[in-house]
Amino acid sequence: MTRSANWALIILGAVLILMEVLLGAVTGFDFLLLGSAILLGGLIGLISGSTAVGIAAAGVLSLAYVLVGRRWLRNRLQRPGLQSNTDALIGRVVLVSERISRDQPGRIKHEGDEWRALPENGVQNAIETGTRARVTRFEGVTVYVVPAAAETTSGGV
């Protein structure tokens, strides 16, 4: 019985770690760290030969992560003031790689990335391929742009 309970902890911990890998860290590394705590508790139980020690170690390590480690990790992962790729693109001048019109979305290119684009409200004329446009906002996966003045450029086009 002693070995099977500790092995169950090891397997449960490994499953949680695998779930974190498969989900791509959407849980904020909670499954990874809780799985590691449970797996480590099972290993401690196997080494000590005691189910009670394994379960207690898994419980203490998991509780320590939830009470202390989770807050510390979340604070370390936050990047205040750092813009995401979409936020950083707003206001930038980009290259129109496919004609943009009211009737037909086009494409813009910035630093090697291409985005689906539509003209911003109030822009009547199409924005032709090869011209520059300024990103005004995002809506879903669509970038809204206005024609940019010829003298404004950004280094990333």
C-alpha atoms as a PDB file:
ATOM      1  CA  MET A   1       0.000   0.000   0.000  1.00  0.00           C
ATOM      2  CA  THR A   2       2.836   2.368   0.854  1.00  0.00           C
ATOM      3  CA  ARG A   3       4.436   2.207  -2.558  1.00  0.00           C
ATOM      4  CA  SER A   4       1.157   2.464  -4.498  1.00  0.00           C
ATOM      5  CA  ALA A   5       0.057   5.690  -2.769  1.00  0.00           C
ATOM      6  CA  ASN A   6       3.431   7.302  -3.383  1.00  0.00           C
ATOM      7  CA  TRP A   7       3.419   6.126  -7.001  1.00  0.00           C
ATOM      8  CA  ALA A   8      -0.083   7.574  -7.366  1.00  0.00           C
ATOM      9  CA  LEU A   9       1.267  10.939  -6.187  1.00  0.00           C
ATOM     10  CA  ILE A  10       4.128  10.717  -8.697  1.00  0.00           C
ATOM     11  CA  ILE A  11       1.757   9.841 -11.546  1.00  0.00           C
ATOM     12  CA  LEU A  12      -0.712  12.601 -10.576  1.00  0.00           C
ATOM     13  CA  GLY A  13       2.129  15.124 -10.454  1.00  0.00           C
ATOM     14  CA  ALA A  14       3.412  14.001 -13.850  1.00  0.00           C
ATOM     15  CA  VAL A  15      -0.087  14.259 -15.353  1.00  0.00           C
ATOM     16  CA  LEU A  16      -0.447  17.833 -14.060  1.00  0.00           C
ATOM     17  CA  ILE A  17       2.953  18.764 -15.506  1.00  0.00           C
ATOM     18  CA  LEU A  18       2.016  17.196 -18.841  1.00  0.00           C
ATOM     19  CA  MET A  19      -1.300  19.083 -18.848  1.00  0.00           C
ATOM     20  CA  GLU A  20       0.581  22.356 -18.355  1.00  0.00           C
ATOM     21  CA  VAL A  21       2.843  21.539 -21.291  1.00  0.00           C
ATOM     22  CA  LEU A  22      -0.119  20.617 -23.507  1.00  0.00           C
ATOM     23  CA  LEU A  23      -2.135  23.705 -22.507  1.00  0.00           C
ATOM     24  CA  GLY A  24       0.789  26.021 -23.194  1.00  0.00           C
ATOM     25  CA  ALA A  25       1.031  27.736 -19.812  1.00  0.00           C
ATOM     26  CA  VAL A  26      -2.523  29.130 -19.955  1.00  0.00           C
ATOM     27  CA  THR A  27      -2.887  28.248 -16.282  1.00  0.00           C
ATOM     28  CA  GLY A  28      -0.052  30.597 -15.373  1.00  0.00           C
ATOM     29  CA  PHE A  29       2.208  27.650 -14.501  1.00  0.00           C
ATOM     30  CA  ASP A  30      -0.119  26.511 -11.691  1.00  0.00           C
ATOM     31  CA  PHE A  31      -0.411  22.943 -13.018  1.00  0.00           C
ATOM     32  CA  LEU A  32       3.351  22.768 -13.510  1.00  0.00           C
ATOM     33  CA  LEU A  33       4.204  23.903  -9.999  1.00  0.00           C
ATOM     34  CA  LEU A  34       1.441  22.005  -8.218  1.00  0.00           C
ATOM     35  CA  GLY A  35       2.321  18.924 -10.248  1.00  0.00           C
ATOM     36  CA  SER A  36       5.954  19.339  -9.285  1.00  0.00           C
ATOM     37  CA  ALA A  37       5.028  19.669  -5.600  1.00  0.00           C
ATOM     38  CA  ILE A  38       2.862  16.543  -5.707  1.00  0.00           C
ATOM     39  CA  LEU A  39       5.467  14.581  -7.678  1.00  0.00           C
ATOM     40  CA  LEU A  40       8.192  15.637  -5.249  1.00  0.00           C
ATOM     41  CA  GLY A  41       5.983  14.596  -2.319  1.00  0.00           C
ATOM     42  CA  GLY A  42       5.560  11.160  -3.889  1.00  0.00           C
ATOM     43  CA  LEU A  43       9.318  10.849  -4.366  1.00  0.00           C
ATOM     44  CA  ILE A  44       9.930  11.844  -0.747  1.00  0.00           C
ATOM     45  CA  GLY A  45       7.384   9.214   0.309  1.00  0.00           C
ATOM     46  CA  LEU A  46       9.144   6.533  -1.764  1.00  0.00           C
ATOM     47  CA  ILE A  47      12.569   7.460  -0.368  1.00  0.00           C
ATOM     48  CA  SER A  48      11.299   7.516   3.214  1.00  0.00           C
ATOM     49  CA  GLY A  49       9.145   4.418   2.712  1.00  0.00           C
ATOM     50  CA  SER A  50       6.137   6.136   4.278  1.00  0.00           C
ATOM     51  CA  THR A  51       2.828   7.029   2.658  1.00  0.00           C
ATOM     52  CA  ALA A  52       2.075   9.546   5.404  1.00  0.00           C
ATOM     53  CA  VAL A  53       5.373  11.355   4.814  1.00  0.00           C
ATOM     54  CA  GLY A  54       4.739  11.449   1.041  1.00  0.00           C
ATOM     55  CA  ILE A  55       1.213  12.805   1.393  1.00  0.00           C
ATOM     56  CA  ALA A  56       2.308  15.322   4.035  1.00  0.00           C
ATOM     57  CA  ALA A  57       5.230  16.501   1.886  1.00  0.00           C
ATOM     58  CA  ALA A  58       2.992  16.860  -1.170  1.00  0.00           C
ATOM     59  CA  GLY A  59       0.435  18.771   0.903  1.00  0.00           C
ATOM     60  CA  VAL A  60       2.973  21.094   2.518  1.00  0.00           C
ATOM     61  CA  LEU A  61       4.731  21.834  -0.785  1.00  0.00           C
ATOM     62  CA  SER A  62       1.426  22.458  -2.575  1.00  0.00           C
ATOM     63  CA  LEU A  63       0.188  24.694   0.226  1.00  0.00           C
ATOM     64  CA  ALA A  64       3.471  26.615   0.241  1.00  0.00           C
ATOM     65  CA  TYR A  65       3.142  27.224  -3.485  1.00  0.00           C
ATOM     66  CA  VAL A  66      -0.480  28.380  -3.213  1.00  0.00           C
ATOM     67  CA  LEU A  67       0.150  30.681  -0.231  1.00  0.00           C
ATOM     68  CA  VAL A  68       3.567  32.093  -1.137  1.00  0.00           C
ATOM     69  CA  GLY A  69       4.969  30.939  -4.444  1.00  0.00           C
ATOM     70  CA  ARG A  70       1.948  31.724  -6.583  1.00  0.00           C
ATOM     71  CA  ARG A  71       1.879  35.419  -5.651  1.00  0.00           C
ATOM     72  CA  TRP A  72       5.642  35.692  -6.074  1.00  0.00           C
ATOM     73  CA  LEU A  73       5.517  33.998  -9.482  1.00  0.00           C
ATOM     74  CA  ARG A  74       2.625  36.154 -10.730  1.00  0.00           C
ATOM     75  CA  ASN A  75       4.494  39.309  -9.707  1.00  0.00           C
ATOM     76  CA  ARG A  76       7.614  38.092 -11.539  1.00  0.00           C
ATOM     77  CA  LEU A  77       5.650  37.296 -14.721  1.00  0.00           C
ATOM     78  CA  GLN A  78       3.875  40.661 -14.909  1.00  0.00           C
ATOM     79  CA  ARG A  79       5.497  43.287 -17.076  1.00  0.00           C
ATOM     80  CA  PRO A  80       3.845  46.608 -16.194  1.00  0.00           C
ATOM     81  CA  GLY A  81       4.177  49.160 -18.940  1.00  0.00           C
ATOM     82  CA  LEU A  82       5.337  46.611 -21.520  1.00  0.00           C
ATOM     83  CA  GLN A  83       3.009  46.684 -24.488  1.00  0.00           C
ATOM     84  CA  SER A  84       1.876  43.563 -26.271  1.00  0.00           C
ATOM     85  CA  ASN A  85       2.584  43.256 -29.985  1.00  0.00           C
ATOM     86  CA  THR A  86      -0.835  44.662 -30.895  1.00  0.00           C
ATOM     87  CA  ASP A  87      -0.704  47.542 -28.409  1.00  0.00           C
ATOM     88  CA  ALA A  88       2.783  48.451 -29.570  1.00  0.00           C
ATOM     89  CA  LEU A  89       1.576  48.593 -33.181  1.00  0.00           C
ATOM     90  CA  ILE A  90      -1.051  51.294 -32.564  1.00  0.00           C
ATOM     91  CA  GLY A  91       0.187  54.620 -33.914  1.00  0.00           C
ATOM     92  CA  ARG A  92       2.971  53.038 -35.956  1.00  0.00           C
ATOM     93  CA  VAL A  93       3.447  53.670 -39.653  1.00  0.00           C
ATOM     94  CA  VAL A  94       3.246  50.443 -41.642  1.00  0.00           C
ATOM     95  CA  LEU A  95       3.585  49.350 -45.268  1.00  0.00           C
ATOM     96  CA  VAL A  96       0.434  48.395 -47.184  1.00  0.00           C
ATOM     97  CA  SER A  97       1.223  45.037 -48.801  1.00  0.00           C
ATOM     98  CA  GLU A  98      -2.249  44.492 -50.310  1.00  0.00           C
ATOM     99  CA  ARG A  99      -4.723  47.195 -51.376  1.00  0.00           C
ATOM    100  CA  ILE A 100      -7.112  48.220 -48.573  1.00  0.00           C
ATOM    101  CA  SER A 101     -10.615  49.458 -49.368  1.00  0.00           C
ATOM    102  CA  ARG A 102     -14.046  49.732 -47.724  1.00  0.00           C
ATOM    103  CA  ASP A 103     -15.294  46.789 -49.785  1.00  0.00           C
ATOM    104  CA  GLN A 104     -12.256  44.537 -49.527  1.00  0.00           C
ATOM    105  CA  PRO A 105      -9.880  44.090 -46.587  1.00  0.00           C
ATOM    106  CA  GLY A 106      -6.223  44.296 -47.463  1.00  0.00           C
ATOM    107  CA  ARG A 107      -3.002  43.554 -45.642  1.00  0.00           C
ATOM    108  CA  ILE A 108      -0.321  45.596 -43.928  1.00  0.00           C
ATOM    109  CA  LYS A 109       3.216  44.585 -43.078  1.00  0.00           C
ATOM    110  CA  HIS A 110       5.281  45.618 -40.065  1.00  0.00           C
ATOM    111  CA  GLU A 111       8.614  44.111 -39.010  1.00  0.00           C
ATOM    112  CA  GLY A 112       7.954  40.970 -41.044  1.00  0.00           C
ATOM    113  CA  ASP A 113       4.452  40.399 -39.675  1.00  0.00           C
ATOM    114  CA  GLU A 114       1.386  40.750 -41.871  1.00  0.00           C
ATOM    115  CA  TRP A 115      -2.017  41.784 -40.582  1.00  0.00           C
ATOM    116  CA  ARG A 116      -5.504  41.912 -42.078  1.00  0.00           C
ATOM    117  CA  ALA A 117      -6.421  45.588 -42.512  1.00  0.00           C
ATOM    118  CA  LEU A 118      -9.438  47.809 -43.166  1.00  0.00           C
ATOM    119  CA  PRO A 119      -9.590  51.571 -43.569  1.00  0.00           C
ATOM    120  CA  GLU A 120     -10.635  53.508 -40.477  1.00  0.00           C
ATOM    121  CA  ASN A 121     -14.088  55.104 -40.446  1.00  0.00           C
ATOM    122  CA  GLY A 122     -13.996  58.317 -42.444  1.00  0.00           C
ATOM    123  CA  VAL A 123     -11.392  57.116 -44.939  1.00  0.00           C
ATOM    124  CA  GLN A 124     -13.175  57.167 -48.285  1.00  0.00           C
ATOM    125  CA  ASN A 125     -10.454  56.297 -50.781  1.00  0.00           C
ATOM    126  CA  ALA A 126      -8.634  52.986 -51.037  1.00  0.00           C
ATOM    127  CA  ILE A 127      -5.112  52.766 -49.649  1.00  0.00           C
ATOM    128  CA  GLU A 128      -2.921  51.347 -52.394  1.00  0.00           C
ATOM    129  CA  THR A 129      -0.215  48.682 -52.205  1.00  0.00           C
ATOM    130  CA  GLY A 130       3.228  50.097 -51.450  1.00  0.00           C
ATOM    131  CA  THR A 131       1.960  53.176 -49.618  1.00  0.00           C
ATOM    132  CA  ARG A 132       2.262  53.873 -45.924  1.00  0.00           C
ATOM    133  CA  ALA A 133      -0.553  53.852 -43.409  1.00  0.00           C
ATOM    134  CA  ARG A 134      -0.853  54.562 -39.684  1.00  0.00           C
ATOM    135  CA  VAL A 135      -2.462  51.970 -37.402  1.00  0.00           C
ATOM    136  CA  THR A 136      -5.305  53.495 -35.359  1.00  0.00           C
ATOM    137  CA  ARG A 137      -6.842  50.511 -33.578  1.00  0.00           C
ATOM    138  CA  PHE A 138      -7.526  46.787 -33.500  1.00  0.00           C
ATOM    139  CA  GLU A 139     -10.820  44.976 -33.583  1.00  0.00           C
ATOM    140  CA  GLY A 140     -10.328  41.245 -33.188  1.00  0.00           C
ATOM    141  CA  VAL A 141      -7.637  40.300 -35.705  1.00  0.00           C
ATOM    142  CA  THR A 142      -8.279  43.288 -37.967  1.00  0.00           C
ATOM    143  CA  VAL A 143      -6.060  46.371 -37.994  1.00  0.00           C
ATOM    144  CA  TYR A 144      -7.700  49.707 -38.841  1.00  0.00           C
ATOM    145  CA  VAL A 145      -5.503  52.196 -40.657  1.00  0.00           C
ATOM    146  CA  VAL A 146      -5.485  55.697 -42.119  1.00  0.00           C
ATOM    147  CA  PRO A 147      -3.180  56.920 -44.883  1.00  0.00           C
ATOM    148  CA  ALA A 148       0.074  58.235 -43.437  1.00  0.00           C
ATOM    149  CA  ALA A 149       1.786  61.431 -44.548  1.00  0.00           C
ATOM    150  CA  ALA A 150       4.772  60.723 -46.777  1.00  0.00           C
ATOM    151  CA  GLU A 151       7.263  62.275 -44.354  1.00  0.00           C
ATOM    152  CA  THR A 152       6.363  60.012 -41.381  1.00  0.00           C
ATOM    153  CA  THR A 153       8.061  56.636 -41.199  1.00  0.00           C
ATOM    154  CA  SER A 154       8.963  54.164 -38.517  1.00  0.00           C
ATOM    155  CA  GLY A 155      12.022  52.024 -38.408  1.00  0.00           C
ATOM    156  CA  GLY A 156      10.156  48.731 -38.432  1.00  0.00           C
ATOM    157  CA  VAL A 157       8.386  48.817 -41.794  1.00  0.00           C
END
